Amino acid sequence: MKKIEAIIKPFKLDEVKAALQGAGVTGLTIYEVKGFGRQKGHTEMYRGSEYVVDFLPKLKIEVMVADDHLTEVVEAIVRTAHTGKIGDGKIFITDLQDVIRIRTKEHGDLAI
């Protein structure tokens, strides 16, 4: 089993969510986060004063998948989150030792 964490631009959420559902994902978690990478933020004007916006708003999506669905799910995220511009985001993939559904006490792939 794998845990996929994807950092994406907020306006891409609906597309990514639809693509994940199409890829068979039955559950996901979304966080509103802020950060920067190579983008380094930008400057804005407010009431005549210039200020720097260091941390840009992003969304973090967490999805747990069985190993045999990993490629399909990652490709769905890359395809729909891509704009071709700096700041499109990143995907992190980690191994999961176990997953337990609290209600039924199921383990592993059955709990995803």
Protein backbone atom coordinates (compact mmCIF):
# COMPACT_ATOMS: atom_id res chain seq x y z
CA MET A 1 0.00 0.00 0.00
CA LYS A 2 1.10 3.55 -0.70
CA LYS A 3 0.29 6.99 0.64
CA ILE A 4 0.23 9.68 -2.04
CA GLU A 5 0.57 13.29 -0.94
CA ALA A 6 0.06 15.85 -3.69
CA ILE A 7 0.54 19.61 -3.37
CA ILE A 8 -1.53 21.36 -6.05
CA LYS A 9 -2.88 24.77 -7.00
CA PRO A 10 -6.29 25.38 -5.36
CA PHE A 11 -8.19 26.03 -8.59
CA LYS A 12 -7.27 22.54 -9.85
CA LEU A 13 -9.08 20.72 -7.03
CA ASP A 14 -12.31 19.90 -8.88
CA GLU A 15 -10.43 18.46 -11.89
CA VAL A 16 -8.09 16.40 -9.71
CA LYS A 17 -10.94 15.12 -7.55
CA ALA A 18 -12.94 14.02 -10.61
CA ALA A 19 -9.88 12.29 -12.08
CA LEU A 20 -9.20 10.48 -8.81
CA GLN A 21 -12.79 9.29 -8.63
CA GLY A 22 -12.45 8.10 -12.24
CA ALA A 23 -9.32 6.19 -11.22
CA GLY A 24 -11.26 4.35 -8.51
CA VAL A 25 -10.20 6.35 -5.45
CA THR A 26 -12.96 6.06 -2.86
CA GLY A 27 -11.62 8.48 -0.26
CA LEU A 28 -9.22 11.37 0.10
CA THR A 29 -8.24 14.06 2.55
CA ILE A 30 -7.63 17.68 1.62
CA TYR A 31 -5.76 20.33 3.60
CA GLU A 32 -5.42 24.03 2.88
CA VAL A 33 -1.70 24.75 3.17
CA LYS A 34 0.73 27.54 2.37
CA GLY A 35 4.28 27.28 1.13
CA PHE A 36 6.77 28.06 -1.57
CA GLY A 37 9.31 26.31 -3.73
CA ARG A 38 11.12 27.78 -6.69
CA GLN A 39 8.25 30.24 -7.06
CA LYS A 40 9.52 32.20 -4.04
CA GLY A 41 6.26 34.15 -3.70
CA HIS A 42 5.55 37.52 -5.27
CA THR A 43 5.03 41.19 -4.41
CA GLU A 44 1.65 42.92 -4.25
CA MET A 45 0.44 46.45 -3.69
CA TYR A 46 -2.01 47.34 -0.92
CA ARG A 47 -3.06 50.94 -0.30
CA GLY A 48 0.03 52.23 -2.01
CA SER A 49 2.45 50.02 -0.11
CA GLU A 50 4.32 47.12 -1.65
CA TYR A 51 4.57 43.91 0.35
CA VAL A 52 5.89 40.40 -0.26
CA VAL A 53 3.65 37.35 -0.23
CA ASP A 54 6.14 34.62 0.76
CA PHE A 55 3.80 31.71 1.33
CA LEU A 56 1.42 30.92 -1.50
CA PRO A 57 -1.90 29.13 -0.92
CA LYS A 58 -1.90 25.49 -2.03
CA LEU A 59 -3.91 22.35 -1.36
CA LYS A 60 -2.49 19.11 -0.05
CA ILE A 61 -4.31 15.96 -1.07
CA GLU A 62 -3.70 12.66 0.71
CA VAL A 63 -4.78 9.40 -0.87
CA MET A 64 -4.10 5.81 0.21
CA VAL A 65 -3.99 3.24 -2.58
CA ALA A 66 -3.15 -0.40 -3.15
CA ASP A 67 0.18 -0.92 -4.92
CA ASP A 68 -1.50 -2.01 -8.16
CA HIS A 69 -3.40 1.32 -8.42
CA LEU A 70 -0.41 3.57 -7.78
CA THR A 71 0.54 4.37 -11.38
CA GLU A 72 -3.03 5.07 -12.46
CA VAL A 73 -3.67 7.43 -9.54
CA VAL A 74 -0.38 9.32 -9.90
CA GLU A 75 -0.95 9.76 -13.64
CA ALA A 76 -4.46 11.11 -12.95
CA ILE A 77 -3.04 13.72 -10.57
CA VAL A 78 -0.22 14.75 -12.91
CA ARG A 79 -2.55 14.97 -15.91
CA THR A 80 -5.15 17.15 -14.20
CA ALA A 81 -2.98 19.30 -11.90
CA HIS A 82 -0.58 20.28 -14.70
CA THR A 83 -0.69 23.86 -16.02
CA GLY A 84 2.84 24.04 -17.37
CA LYS A 85 3.63 27.02 -15.16
CA ILE A 86 5.91 27.26 -12.15
CA GLY A 87 4.17 26.24 -8.92
CA ASP A 88 2.16 23.32 -10.29
CA GLY A 89 3.15 21.33 -7.21
CA LYS A 90 4.72 18.04 -6.21
CA ILE A 91 3.73 14.47 -5.45
CA PHE A 92 5.24 12.46 -2.60
CA ILE A 93 4.80 8.68 -2.38
CA THR A 94 5.52 6.69 0.77
CA ASP A 95 5.03 3.08 1.81
CA LEU A 96 2.30 2.27 4.32
CA GLN A 97 2.95 -0.47 6.81
CA ASP A 98 -0.74 -0.97 7.58
CA VAL A 99 -4.14 0.70 7.39
CA ILE A 100 -6.92 -0.11 9.85
CA ARG A 101 -10.58 0.81 9.44
CA ILE A 102 -11.71 1.60 12.97
CA ARG A 103 -15.38 0.72 12.49
CA THR A 104 -14.83 -2.81 11.09
CA LYS A 105 -11.26 -3.48 12.24
CA GLU A 106 -10.31 -4.43 8.67
CA HIS A 107 -6.60 -4.24 7.83
CA GLY A 108 -4.57 -3.55 4.71
CA ASP A 109 -6.16 -3.14 1.28
CA LEU A 110 -9.60 -3.94 2.70
CA ALA A 111 -9.39 -0.85 4.90
CA ILE A 112 -8.54 1.57 2.10
